[in-house]
Amino acid sequence: MLNLTSPKNVQGAERAASIIGGLALLGNGIRTGGLSGVLQMAVGGMAIFRGATGHCELKRILDEKKEHTNDIQRYSHMPLDSESHSPDFQSQKALPDSTPMGHEARPNTP
């Protein structure tokens, strides 16, 4: 469900493009008619609403997913605890990547 109290996530030229594109789709859908015209009118109406309100639920959901993938990529190189106790690492004093967590940007900082 659309939450209009959340901060706007569509601004400026993107809003204008949504309104202009939505009006074009709406007009073309009216001229075309049939099922194709109805679909064009529906998509055009959604684009007009997106531009008029400044809210886009799809963009909000994708932005949230994008924020969570950064953490996954950041720590994906670190071995699991079970890997560090495997026979492959018994002869080594330190793991191949022994940078403490949180110090990736400054590896020499204790």
PDB file of N, CA and C in Angstrom:
ATOM      1  N   MET A   1       0.837  -1.178   0.000  1.00  0.00           N
ATOM      2  CA  MET A   1       0.000   0.000   0.000  1.00  0.00           C
ATOM      3  C   MET A   1       0.882   1.240   0.000  1.00  0.00           C
ATOM      4  N   LEU A   2       0.470   2.242  -0.690  1.00  0.00           N
ATOM      5  CA  LEU A   2       1.225   3.474  -0.821  1.00  0.00           C
ATOM      6  C   LEU A   2       1.126   4.293   0.454  1.00  0.00           C
ATOM      7  N   ASN A   3       2.274   4.737   0.952  1.00  0.00           N
ATOM      8  CA  ASN A   3       2.340   5.545   2.160  1.00  0.00           C
ATOM      9  C   ASN A   3       2.754   6.955   1.748  1.00  0.00           C
ATOM     10  N   LEU A   4       1.798   7.873   1.677  1.00  0.00           N
ATOM     11  CA  LEU A   4       2.093   9.240   1.231  1.00  0.00           C
ATOM     12  C   LEU A   4       2.753  10.080   2.312  1.00  0.00           C
ATOM     13  N   THR A   5       2.874   9.561   3.543  1.00  0.00           N
ATOM     14  CA  THR A   5       3.556  10.307   4.594  1.00  0.00           C
ATOM     15  C   THR A   5       5.062  10.069   4.568  1.00  0.00           C
ATOM     16  N   SER A   6       5.515   9.070   3.819  1.00  0.00           N
ATOM     17  CA  SER A   6       6.957   8.816   3.711  1.00  0.00           C
ATOM     18  C   SER A   6       7.598   9.913   2.868  1.00  0.00           C
ATOM     19  N   PRO A   7       8.921  10.098   3.016  1.00  0.00           N
ATOM     20  CA  PRO A   7       9.581  11.150   2.226  1.00  0.00           C
ATOM     21  C   PRO A   7       9.465  10.875   0.727  1.00  0.00           C
ATOM     22  N   LYS A   8       9.403  11.945  -0.041  1.00  0.00           N
ATOM     23  CA  LYS A   8       9.296  11.800  -1.499  1.00  0.00           C
ATOM     24  C   LYS A   8      10.609  11.261  -2.044  1.00  0.00           C
ATOM     25  N   ASN A   9      10.507  10.290  -2.959  1.00  0.00           N
ATOM     26  CA  ASN A   9      11.707   9.694  -3.536  1.00  0.00           C
ATOM     27  C   ASN A   9      11.819   9.938  -5.040  1.00  0.00           C
ATOM     28  N   VAL A  10      10.946  10.761  -5.595  1.00  0.00           N
ATOM     29  CA  VAL A  10      11.004  11.136  -7.012  1.00  0.00           C
ATOM     30  C   VAL A  10      11.015  12.661  -7.056  1.00  0.00           C
ATOM     31  N   GLN A  11      12.073  13.251  -7.625  1.00  0.00           N
ATOM     32  CA  GLN A  11      12.184  14.706  -7.643  1.00  0.00           C
ATOM     33  C   GLN A  11      12.541  15.221  -9.033  1.00  0.00           C
ATOM     34  N   GLY A  12      12.339  16.501  -9.181  1.00  0.00           N
ATOM     35  CA  GLY A  12      12.822  17.259 -10.332  1.00  0.00           C
ATOM     36  C   GLY A  12      12.436  16.724 -11.692  1.00  0.00           C
ATOM     37  N   ALA A  13      13.466  16.504 -12.513  1.00  0.00           N
ATOM     38  CA  ALA A  13      13.260  16.079 -13.896  1.00  0.00           C
ATOM     39  C   ALA A  13      12.594  14.716 -13.978  1.00  0.00           C
ATOM     40  N   GLU A  14      12.839  13.858 -12.987  1.00  0.00           N
ATOM     41  CA  GLU A  14      12.217  12.533 -12.987  1.00  0.00           C
ATOM     42  C   GLU A  14      10.697  12.650 -12.829  1.00  0.00           C
ATOM     43  N   ARG A  15      10.259  13.581 -11.991  1.00  0.00           N
ATOM     44  CA  ARG A  15       8.818  13.807 -11.823  1.00  0.00           C
ATOM     45  C   ARG A  15       8.217  14.357 -13.112  1.00  0.00           C
ATOM     46  N   ALA A  16       8.907  15.320 -13.718  1.00  0.00           N
ATOM     47  CA  ALA A  16       8.402  15.910 -14.961  1.00  0.00           C
ATOM     48  C   ALA A  16       8.331  14.862 -16.067  1.00  0.00           C
ATOM     49  N   ALA A  17       9.362  14.021 -16.159  1.00  0.00           N
ATOM     50  CA  ALA A  17       9.367  12.973 -17.189  1.00  0.00           C
ATOM     51  C   ALA A  17       8.240  11.975 -16.949  1.00  0.00           C
ATOM     52  N   SER A  18       7.947  11.668 -15.683  1.00  0.00           N
ATOM     53  CA  SER A  18       6.847  10.750 -15.383  1.00  0.00           C
ATOM     54  C   SER A  18       5.515  11.335 -15.819  1.00  0.00           C
ATOM     55  N   ILE A  19       5.313  12.620 -15.553  1.00  0.00           N
ATOM     56  CA  ILE A  19       4.050  13.248 -15.934  1.00  0.00           C
ATOM     57  C   ILE A  19       3.922  13.341 -17.455  1.00  0.00           C
ATOM     58  N   ILE A  20       4.971  13.777 -18.124  1.00  0.00           N
ATOM     59  CA  ILE A  20       4.923  13.913 -19.591  1.00  0.00           C
ATOM     60  C   ILE A  20       4.753  12.545 -20.254  1.00  0.00           C
ATOM     61  N   GLY A  21       5.535  11.568 -19.808  1.00  0.00           N
ATOM     62  CA  GLY A  21       5.409  10.217 -20.367  1.00  0.00           C
ATOM     63  C   GLY A  21       4.049   9.604 -20.073  1.00  0.00           C
ATOM     64  N   GLY A  22       3.545   9.841 -18.869  1.00  0.00           N
ATOM     65  CA  GLY A  22       2.221   9.328 -18.507  1.00  0.00           C
ATOM     66  C   GLY A  22       1.122   9.929 -19.358  1.00  0.00           C
ATOM     67  N   LEU A  23       1.208  11.242 -19.603  1.00  0.00           N
ATOM     68  CA  LEU A  23       0.206  11.882 -20.463  1.00  0.00           C
ATOM     69  C   LEU A  23       0.269  11.345 -21.891  1.00  0.00           C
ATOM     70  N   ALA A  24       1.488  11.107 -22.377  1.00  0.00           N
ATOM     71  CA  ALA A  24       1.643  10.554 -23.733  1.00  0.00           C
ATOM     72  C   ALA A  24       1.039   9.147 -23.808  1.00  0.00           C
ATOM     73  N   LEU A  25       1.329   8.321 -22.806  1.00  0.00           N
ATOM     74  CA  LEU A  25       0.759   6.966 -22.791  1.00  0.00           C
ATOM     75  C   LEU A  25      -0.764   7.012 -22.664  1.00  0.00           C
ATOM     76  N   LEU A  26      -1.257   7.885 -21.820  1.00  0.00           N
ATOM     77  CA  LEU A  26      -2.705   8.002 -21.643  1.00  0.00           C
ATOM     78  C   LEU A  26      -3.379   8.415 -22.951  1.00  0.00           C
ATOM     79  N   GLY A  27      -2.815   9.431 -23.620  1.00  0.00           N
ATOM     80  CA  GLY A  27      -3.392   9.887 -24.891  1.00  0.00           C
ATOM     81  C   GLY A  27      -3.320   8.815 -25.970  1.00  0.00           C
ATOM     82  N   ASN A  28      -2.189   8.128 -26.053  1.00  0.00           N
ATOM     83  CA  ASN A  28      -2.050   7.075 -27.055  1.00  0.00           C
ATOM     84  C   ASN A  28      -2.999   5.916 -26.752  1.00  0.00           C
ATOM     85  N   GLY A  29      -3.185   5.600 -25.478  1.00  0.00           N
ATOM     86  CA  GLY A  29      -4.106   4.528 -25.107  1.00  0.00           C
ATOM     87  C   GLY A  29      -5.535   4.851 -25.458  1.00  0.00           C
ATOM     88  N   ILE A  30      -5.918   6.117 -25.310  1.00  0.00           N
ATOM     89  CA  ILE A  30      -7.278   6.527 -25.669  1.00  0.00           C
ATOM     90  C   ILE A  30      -7.475   6.419 -27.172  1.00  0.00           C
ATOM     91  N   ARG A  31      -6.468   6.843 -27.947  1.00  0.00           N
ATOM     92  CA  ARG A  31      -6.567   6.759 -29.414  1.00  0.00           C
ATOM     93  C   ARG A  31      -6.560   5.320 -29.899  1.00  0.00           C
ATOM     94  N   THR A  32      -5.725   4.454 -29.258  1.00  0.00           N
ATOM     95  CA  THR A  32      -5.563   3.081 -29.727  1.00  0.00           C
ATOM     96  C   THR A  32      -6.801   2.238 -29.436  1.00  0.00           C
ATOM     97  N   GLY A  33      -7.281   2.307 -28.195  1.00  0.00           N
ATOM     98  CA  GLY A  33      -8.429   1.508 -27.803  1.00  0.00           C
ATOM     99  C   GLY A  33      -8.060   0.037 -27.641  1.00  0.00           C
ATOM    100  N   GLY A  34      -9.029  -0.771 -27.329  1.00  0.00           N
ATOM    101  CA  GLY A  34      -8.815  -2.205 -27.140  1.00  0.00           C
ATOM    102  C   GLY A  34      -7.998  -2.502 -25.885  1.00  0.00           C
ATOM    103  N   LEU A  35      -7.527  -3.742 -25.790  1.00  0.00           N
ATOM    104  CA  LEU A  35      -6.758  -4.172 -24.622  1.00  0.00           C
ATOM    105  C   LEU A  35      -5.428  -3.434 -24.530  1.00  0.00           C
ATOM    106  N   SER A  36      -4.770  -3.235 -25.673  1.00  0.00           N
ATOM    107  CA  SER A  36      -3.509  -2.508 -25.696  1.00  0.00           C
ATOM    108  C   SER A  36      -3.700  -1.078 -25.199  1.00  0.00           C
ATOM    109  N   GLY A  37      -4.772  -0.450 -25.602  1.00  0.00           N
ATOM    110  CA  GLY A  37      -5.064   0.916 -25.173  1.00  0.00           C
ATOM    111  C   GLY A  37      -5.355   0.996 -23.684  1.00  0.00           C
ATOM    112  N   VAL A  38      -6.082   0.015 -23.170  1.00  0.00           N
ATOM    113  CA  VAL A  38      -6.385  -0.008 -21.738  1.00  0.00           C
ATOM    114  C   VAL A  38      -5.103  -0.164 -20.929  1.00  0.00           C
ATOM    115  N   LEU A  39      -4.199  -1.031 -21.394  1.00  0.00           N
ATOM    116  CA  LEU A  39      -2.929  -1.219 -20.690  1.00  0.00           C
ATOM    117  C   LEU A  39      -2.086   0.062 -20.728  1.00  0.00           C
ATOM    118  N   GLN A  40      -2.069   0.728 -21.874  1.00  0.00           N
ATOM    119  CA  GLN A  40      -1.330   1.986 -21.981  1.00  0.00           C
ATOM    120  C   GLN A  40      -1.926   3.048 -21.063  1.00  0.00           C
ATOM    121  N   MET A  41      -3.240   3.108 -20.988  1.00  0.00           N
ATOM    122  CA  MET A  41      -3.880   4.081 -20.108  1.00  0.00           C
ATOM    123  C   MET A  41      -3.573   3.784 -18.639  1.00  0.00           C
ATOM    124  N   ALA A  42      -3.543   2.513 -18.278  1.00  0.00           N
ATOM    125  CA  ALA A  42      -3.248   2.147 -16.896  1.00  0.00           C
ATOM    126  C   ALA A  42      -1.817   2.529 -16.520  1.00  0.00           C
ATOM    127  N   VAL A  43      -0.872   2.194 -17.380  1.00  0.00           N
ATOM    128  CA  VAL A  43       0.529   2.535 -17.108  1.00  0.00           C
ATOM    129  C   VAL A  43       0.707   4.056 -17.124  1.00  0.00           C
ATOM    130  N   GLY A  44       0.061   4.728 -18.042  1.00  0.00           N
ATOM    131  CA  GLY A  44       0.134   6.189 -18.092  1.00  0.00           C
ATOM    132  C   GLY A  44      -0.438   6.828 -16.840  1.00  0.00           C
ATOM    133  N   GLY A  45      -1.551   6.302 -16.354  1.00  0.00           N
ATOM    134  CA  GLY A  45      -2.151   6.826 -15.121  1.00  0.00           C
ATOM    135  C   GLY A  45      -1.230   6.636 -13.925  1.00  0.00           C
ATOM    136  N   MET A  46      -0.565   5.467 -13.861  1.00  0.00           N
ATOM    137  CA  MET A  46       0.373   5.226 -12.759  1.00  0.00           C
ATOM    138  C   MET A  46       1.567   6.176 -12.848  1.00  0.00           C
ATOM    139  N   ALA A  47       2.043   6.437 -14.058  1.00  0.00           N
ATOM    140  CA  ALA A  47       3.173   7.355 -14.233  1.00  0.00           C
ATOM    141  C   ALA A  47       2.780   8.780 -13.853  1.00  0.00           C
ATOM    142  N   ILE A  48       1.569   9.198 -14.215  1.00  0.00           N
ATOM    143  CA  ILE A  48       1.089  10.535 -13.844  1.00  0.00           C
ATOM    144  C   ILE A  48       0.981  10.643 -12.325  1.00  0.00           C
ATOM    145  N   PHE A  49       0.434   9.624 -11.682  1.00  0.00           N
ATOM    146  CA  PHE A  49       0.305   9.622 -10.224  1.00  0.00           C
ATOM    147  C   PHE A  49       1.681   9.687  -9.561  1.00  0.00           C
ATOM    148  N   ARG A  50       2.638   8.922 -10.097  1.00  0.00           N
ATOM    149  CA  ARG A  50       4.014   8.916  -9.571  1.00  0.00           C
ATOM    150  C   ARG A  50       4.626  10.309  -9.666  1.00  0.00           C
ATOM    151  N   GLY A  51       4.462  10.957 -10.813  1.00  0.00           N
ATOM    152  CA  GLY A  51       5.029  12.289 -10.988  1.00  0.00           C
ATOM    153  C   GLY A  51       4.317  13.343 -10.168  1.00  0.00           C
ATOM    154  N   ALA A  52       3.002  13.222 -10.037  1.00  0.00           N
ATOM    155  CA  ALA A  52       2.237  14.229  -9.302  1.00  0.00           C
ATOM    156  C   ALA A  52       2.495  14.149  -7.795  1.00  0.00           C
ATOM    157  N   THR A  53       2.635  12.953  -7.257  1.00  0.00           N
ATOM    158  CA  THR A  53       2.813  12.795  -5.803  1.00  0.00           C
ATOM    159  C   THR A  53       4.279  12.796  -5.383  1.00  0.00           C
ATOM    160  N   GLY A  54       5.178  12.380  -6.274  1.00  0.00           N
ATOM    161  CA  GLY A  54       6.594  12.281  -5.913  1.00  0.00           C
ATOM    162  C   GLY A  54       6.923  11.002  -5.161  1.00  0.00           C
ATOM    163  N   HIS A  55       5.999  10.063  -5.128  1.00  0.00           N
ATOM    164  CA  HIS A  55       6.205   8.786  -4.435  1.00  0.00           C
ATOM    165  C   HIS A  55       6.187   7.636  -5.432  1.00  0.00           C
ATOM    166  N   CYS A  56       7.146   6.735  -5.298  1.00  0.00           N
ATOM    167  CA  CYS A  56       7.194   5.538  -6.136  1.00  0.00           C
ATOM    168  C   CYS A  56       7.547   4.353  -5.240  1.00  0.00           C
ATOM    169  N   GLU A  57       6.594   3.470  -5.037  1.00  0.00           N
ATOM    170  CA  GLU A  57       6.809   2.318  -4.154  1.00  0.00           C
ATOM    171  C   GLU A  57       7.875   1.380  -4.702  1.00  0.00           C
ATOM    172  N   LEU A  58       7.887   1.154  -6.009  1.00  0.00           N
ATOM    173  CA  LEU A  58       8.878   0.260  -6.606  1.00  0.00           C
ATOM    174  C   LEU A  58      10.288   0.804  -6.377  1.00  0.00           C
ATOM    175  N   LYS A  59      10.471   2.087  -6.556  1.00  0.00           N
ATOM    176  CA  LYS A  59      11.780   2.699  -6.337  1.00  0.00           C
ATOM    177  C   LYS A  59      12.187   2.582  -4.864  1.00  0.00           C
ATOM    178  N   ARG A  60      11.234   2.764  -3.945  1.00  0.00           N
ATOM    179  CA  ARG A  60      11.522   2.637  -2.518  1.00  0.00           C
ATOM    180  C   ARG A  60      11.972   1.227  -2.172  1.00  0.00           C
ATOM    181  N   ILE A  61      11.278   0.223  -2.698  1.00  0.00           N
ATOM    182  CA  ILE A  61      11.618  -1.171  -2.415  1.00  0.00           C
ATOM    183  C   ILE A  61      12.993  -1.511  -2.985  1.00  0.00           C
ATOM    184  N   LEU A  62      13.270  -1.078  -4.204  1.00  0.00           N
ATOM    185  CA  LEU A  62      14.570  -1.356  -4.815  1.00  0.00           C
ATOM    186  C   LEU A  62      15.706  -0.655  -4.083  1.00  0.00           C
ATOM    187  N   ASP A  63      15.463   0.566  -3.611  1.00  0.00           N
ATOM    188  CA  ASP A  63      16.487   1.283  -2.849  1.00  0.00           C
ATOM    189  C   ASP A  63      16.777   0.583  -1.527  1.00  0.00           C
ATOM    190  N   GLU A  64      15.746   0.051  -0.870  1.00  0.00           N
ATOM    191  CA  GLU A  64      15.948  -0.684   0.386  1.00  0.00           C
ATOM    192  C   GLU A  64      16.769  -1.940   0.146  1.00  0.00           C
ATOM    193  N   LYS A  65      16.468  -2.649  -0.919  1.00  0.00           N
ATOM    194  CA  LYS A  65      17.235  -3.860  -1.232  1.00  0.00           C
ATOM    195  C   LYS A  65      18.682  -3.515  -1.551  1.00  0.00           C
ATOM    196  N   LYS A  66      18.894  -2.408  -2.244  1.00  0.00           N
ATOM    197  CA  LYS A  66      20.248  -1.989  -2.608  1.00  0.00           C
ATOM    198  C   LYS A  66      21.070  -1.671  -1.356  1.00  0.00           C
ATOM    199  N   GLU A  67      20.460  -1.066  -0.350  1.00  0.00           N
ATOM    200  CA  GLU A  67      21.161  -0.751   0.900  1.00  0.00           C
ATOM    201  C   GLU A  67      21.621  -2.013   1.601  1.00  0.00           C
ATOM    202  N   HIS A  68      20.798  -3.071   1.572  1.00  0.00           N
ATOM    203  CA  HIS A  68      21.151  -4.304   2.268  1.00  0.00           C
ATOM    204  C   HIS A  68      22.216  -5.094   1.532  1.00  0.00           C
ATOM    205  N   THR A  69      22.321  -4.967   0.223  1.00  0.00           N
ATOM    206  CA  THR A  69      23.320  -5.743  -0.512  1.00  0.00           C
ATOM    207  C   THR A  69      24.726  -5.223  -0.284  1.00  0.00           C
ATOM    208  N   ASN A  70      24.880  -3.962   0.127  1.00  0.00           N
ATOM    209  CA  ASN A  70      26.210  -3.432   0.398  1.00  0.00           C
ATOM    210  C   ASN A  70      26.886  -4.183   1.530  1.00  0.00           C
ATOM    211  N   ASP A  71      26.152  -4.528   2.583  1.00  0.00           N
ATOM    212  CA  ASP A  71      26.726  -5.276   3.704  1.00  0.00           C
ATOM    213  C   ASP A  71      27.110  -6.679   3.274  1.00  0.00           C
ATOM    214  N   ILE A  72      26.315  -7.294   2.436  1.00  0.00           N
ATOM    215  CA  ILE A  72      26.611  -8.648   1.972  1.00  0.00           C
ATOM    216  C   ILE A  72      27.919  -8.637   1.177  1.00  0.00           C
ATOM    217  N   GLN A  73      28.089  -7.674   0.298  1.00  0.00           N
ATOM    218  CA  GLN A  73      29.310  -7.593  -0.499  1.00  0.00           C
ATOM    219  C   GLN A  73      30.509  -7.238   0.369  1.00  0.00           C
ATOM    220  N   ARG A  74      30.303  -6.452   1.394  1.00  0.00           N
ATOM    221  CA  ARG A  74      31.406  -6.011   2.236  1.00  0.00           C
ATOM    222  C   ARG A  74      32.020  -7.169   3.008  1.00  0.00           C
ATOM    223  N   TYR A  75      31.200  -8.076   3.507  1.00  0.00           N
ATOM    224  CA  TYR A  75      31.702  -9.155   4.349  1.00  0.00           C
ATOM    225  C   TYR A  75      31.732 -10.511   3.652  1.00  0.00           C
ATOM    226  N   SER A  76      31.492 -10.565   2.359  1.00  0.00           N
ATOM    227  CA  SER A  76      31.449 -11.843   1.670  1.00  0.00           C
ATOM    228  C   SER A  76      32.818 -12.504   1.564  1.00  0.00           C
ATOM    229  N   HIS A  77      33.906 -11.738   1.702  1.00  0.00           N
ATOM    230  CA  HIS A  77      35.249 -12.297   1.577  1.00  0.00           C
ATOM    231  C   HIS A  77      35.740 -12.932   2.875  1.00  0.00           C
ATOM    232  N   MET A  78      35.033 -12.724   3.986  1.00  0.00           N
ATOM    233  CA  MET A  78      35.508 -13.214   5.277  1.00  0.00           C
ATOM    234  C   MET A  78      35.134 -14.683   5.450  1.00  0.00           C
ATOM    235  N   PRO A  79      36.075 -15.502   5.940  1.00  0.00           N
ATOM    236  CA  PRO A  79      35.774 -16.927   6.107  1.00  0.00           C
ATOM    237  C   PRO A  79      34.811 -17.162   7.259  1.00  0.00           C
ATOM    238  N   LEU A  80      34.034 -18.221   7.126  1.00  0.00           N
ATOM    239  CA  LEU A  80      33.148 -18.632   8.204  1.00  0.00           C
ATOM    240  C   LEU A  80      33.962 -19.249   9.326  1.00  0.00           C
ATOM    241  N   ASP A  81      33.396 -19.326  10.523  1.00  0.00           N
ATOM    242  CA  ASP A  81      34.094 -19.908  11.659  1.00  0.00           C
ATOM    243  C   ASP A  81      34.460 -21.364  11.378  1.00  0.00           C
ATOM    244  N   SER A  82      33.563 -22.090  10.735  1.00  0.00           N
ATOM    245  CA  SER A  82      33.839 -23.498  10.438  1.00  0.00           C
ATOM    246  C   SER A  82      34.996 -23.628   9.443  1.00  0.00           C
ATOM    247  N   GLU A  83      35.147 -22.652   8.542  1.00  0.00           N
ATOM    248  CA  GLU A  83      36.256 -22.696   7.593  1.00  0.00           C
ATOM    249  C   GLU A  83      37.591 -22.443   8.287  1.00  0.00           C
ATOM    250  N   SER A  84      37.594 -21.587   9.307  1.00  0.00           N
ATOM    251  CA  SER A  84      38.854 -21.268   9.980  1.00  0.00           C
ATOM    252  C   SER A  84      39.358 -22.433  10.823  1.00  0.00           C
ATOM    253  N   HIS A  85      38.496 -23.374  11.174  1.00  0.00           N
ATOM    254  CA  HIS A  85      38.907 -24.537  11.954  1.00  0.00           C
ATOM    255  C   HIS A  85      39.135 -25.774  11.084  1.00  0.00           C
ATOM    256  N   SER A  86      39.066 -25.612   9.772  1.00  0.00           N
ATOM    257  CA  SER A  86      39.239 -26.759   8.889  1.00  0.00           C
ATOM    258  C   SER A  86      40.714 -27.136   8.781  1.00  0.00           C
ATOM    259  N   PRO A  87      41.030 -28.359   8.375  1.00  0.00           N
ATOM    260  CA  PRO A  87      42.420 -28.795   8.250  1.00  0.00           C
ATOM    261  C   PRO A  87      43.225 -27.954   7.258  1.00  0.00           C
ATOM    262  N   ASP A  88      42.566 -27.266   6.341  1.00  0.00           N
ATOM    263  CA  ASP A  88      43.279 -26.445   5.369  1.00  0.00           C
ATOM    264  C   ASP A  88      44.045 -25.297   6.024  1.00  0.00           C
ATOM    265  N   PHE A  89      43.578 -24.830   7.180  1.00  0.00           N
ATOM    266  CA  PHE A  89      44.193 -23.681   7.832  1.00  0.00           C
ATOM    267  C   PHE A  89      45.008 -24.052   9.079  1.00  0.00           C
ATOM    268  N   GLN A  90      45.167 -25.322   9.398  1.00  0.00           N
ATOM    269  CA  GLN A  90      45.864 -25.706  10.628  1.00  0.00           C
ATOM    270  C   GLN A  90      47.344 -25.336  10.601  1.00  0.00           C
ATOM    271  N   SER A  91      47.979 -25.358   9.447  1.00  0.00           N
ATOM    272  CA  SER A  91      49.401 -25.055   9.378  1.00  0.00           C
ATOM    273  C   SER A  91      49.671 -23.539   9.348  1.00  0.00           C
ATOM    274  N   GLN A  92      48.635 -22.731   9.160  1.00  0.00           N
ATOM    275  CA  GLN A  92      48.814 -21.283   9.082  1.00  0.00           C
ATOM    276  C   GLN A  92      48.556 -20.646  10.443  1.00  0.00           C
ATOM    277  N   LYS A  93      49.346 -19.616  10.758  1.00  0.00           N
ATOM    278  CA  LYS A  93      49.154 -18.906  12.021  1.00  0.00           C
ATOM    279  C   LYS A  93      47.987 -17.917  11.923  1.00  0.00           C
ATOM    280  N   ALA A  94      47.750 -17.392  10.747  1.00  0.00           N
ATOM    281  CA  ALA A  94      46.657 -16.434  10.547  1.00  0.00           C
ATOM    282  C   ALA A  94      45.897 -16.831   9.293  1.00  0.00           C
ATOM    283  N   LEU A  95      44.669 -16.421   9.244  1.00  0.00           N
ATOM    284  CA  LEU A  95      43.853 -16.686   8.068  1.00  0.00           C
ATOM    285  C   LEU A  95      44.367 -15.841   6.901  1.00  0.00           C
ATOM    286  N   PRO A  96      44.082 -16.243   5.676  1.00  0.00           N
ATOM    287  CA  PRO A  96      44.569 -15.492   4.520  1.00  0.00           C
ATOM    288  C   PRO A  96      44.195 -14.008   4.568  1.00  0.00           C
ATOM    289  N   ASP A  97      42.994 -13.694   4.977  1.00  0.00           N
ATOM    290  CA  ASP A  97      42.585 -12.303   5.108  1.00  0.00           C
ATOM    291  C   ASP A  97      42.330 -12.049   6.584  1.00  0.00           C
ATOM    292  N   SER A  98      43.337 -11.574   7.289  1.00  0.00           N
ATOM    293  CA  SER A  98      43.209 -11.415   8.740  1.00  0.00           C
ATOM    294  C   SER A  98      42.912  -9.978   9.135  1.00  0.00           C
ATOM    295  N   THR A  99      42.320  -9.198   8.241  1.00  0.00           N
ATOM    296  CA  THR A  99      41.931  -7.832   8.563  1.00  0.00           C
ATOM    297  C   THR A  99      40.754  -7.875   9.533  1.00  0.00           C
ATOM    298  N   PRO A 100      40.849  -7.194  10.691  1.00  0.00           N
ATOM    299  CA  PRO A 100      39.729  -7.198  11.627  1.00  0.00           C
ATOM    300  C   PRO A 100      38.493  -6.568  11.013  1.00  0.00           C
ATOM    301  N   MET A 101      37.326  -7.036  11.400  1.00  0.00           N
ATOM    302  CA  MET A 101      36.075  -6.505  10.870  1.00  0.00           C
ATOM    303  C   MET A 101      35.956  -5.023  11.194  1.00  0.00           C
ATOM    304  N   GLY A 102      35.534  -4.248  10.226  1.00  0.00           N
ATOM    305  CA  GLY A 102      35.349  -2.821  10.402  1.00  0.00           C
ATOM    306  C   GLY A 102      36.578  -2.013  10.048  1.00  0.00           C
ATOM    307  N   HIS A 103      37.711  -2.661   9.754  1.00  0.00           N
ATOM    308  CA  HIS A 103      38.942  -1.953   9.429  1.00  0.00           C
ATOM    309  C   HIS A 103      39.327  -2.139   7.958  1.00  0.00           C
ATOM    310  N   GLU A 104      38.377  -2.479   7.101  1.00  0.00           N
ATOM    311  CA  GLU A 104      38.687  -2.719   5.701  1.00  0.00           C
ATOM    312  C   GLU A 104      39.227  -1.459   5.027  1.00  0.00           C
ATOM    313  N   ALA A 105      38.690  -0.305   5.397  1.00  0.00           N
ATOM    314  CA  ALA A 105      39.134   0.940   4.772  1.00  0.00           C
ATOM    315  C   ALA A 105      40.509   1.357   5.292  1.00  0.00           C
ATOM    316  N   ARG A 106      40.833   1.022   6.553  1.00  0.00           N
ATOM    317  CA  ARG A 106      42.109   1.369   7.161  1.00  0.00           C
ATOM    318  C   ARG A 106      42.731   0.115   7.754  1.00  0.00           C
ATOM    319  N   PRO A 107      43.336  -0.778   6.935  1.00  0.00           N
ATOM    320  CA  PRO A 107      43.790  -2.069   7.410  1.00  0.00           C
ATOM    321  C   PRO A 107      44.906  -1.993   8.464  1.00  0.00           C
ATOM    322  N   ASN A 108      45.682  -0.913   8.513  1.00  0.00           N
ATOM    323  CA  ASN A 108      46.796  -0.841   9.479  1.00  0.00           C
ATOM    324  C   ASN A 108      46.368  -0.259  10.814  1.00  0.00           C
ATOM    325  N   THR A 109      45.109   0.128  10.950  1.00  0.00           N
ATOM    326  CA  THR A 109      44.613   0.683  12.218  1.00  0.00           C
ATOM    327  C   THR A 109      44.254  -0.454  13.142  1.00  0.00           C
ATOM    328  N   PRO A 110      44.729  -0.431  14.409  1.00  0.00           N
ATOM    329  CA  PRO A 110      44.401  -1.539  15.337  1.00  0.00           C
ATOM    330  C   PRO A 110      42.954  -1.520  15.757  1.00  0.00           C
TER     331      PRO A 110
END
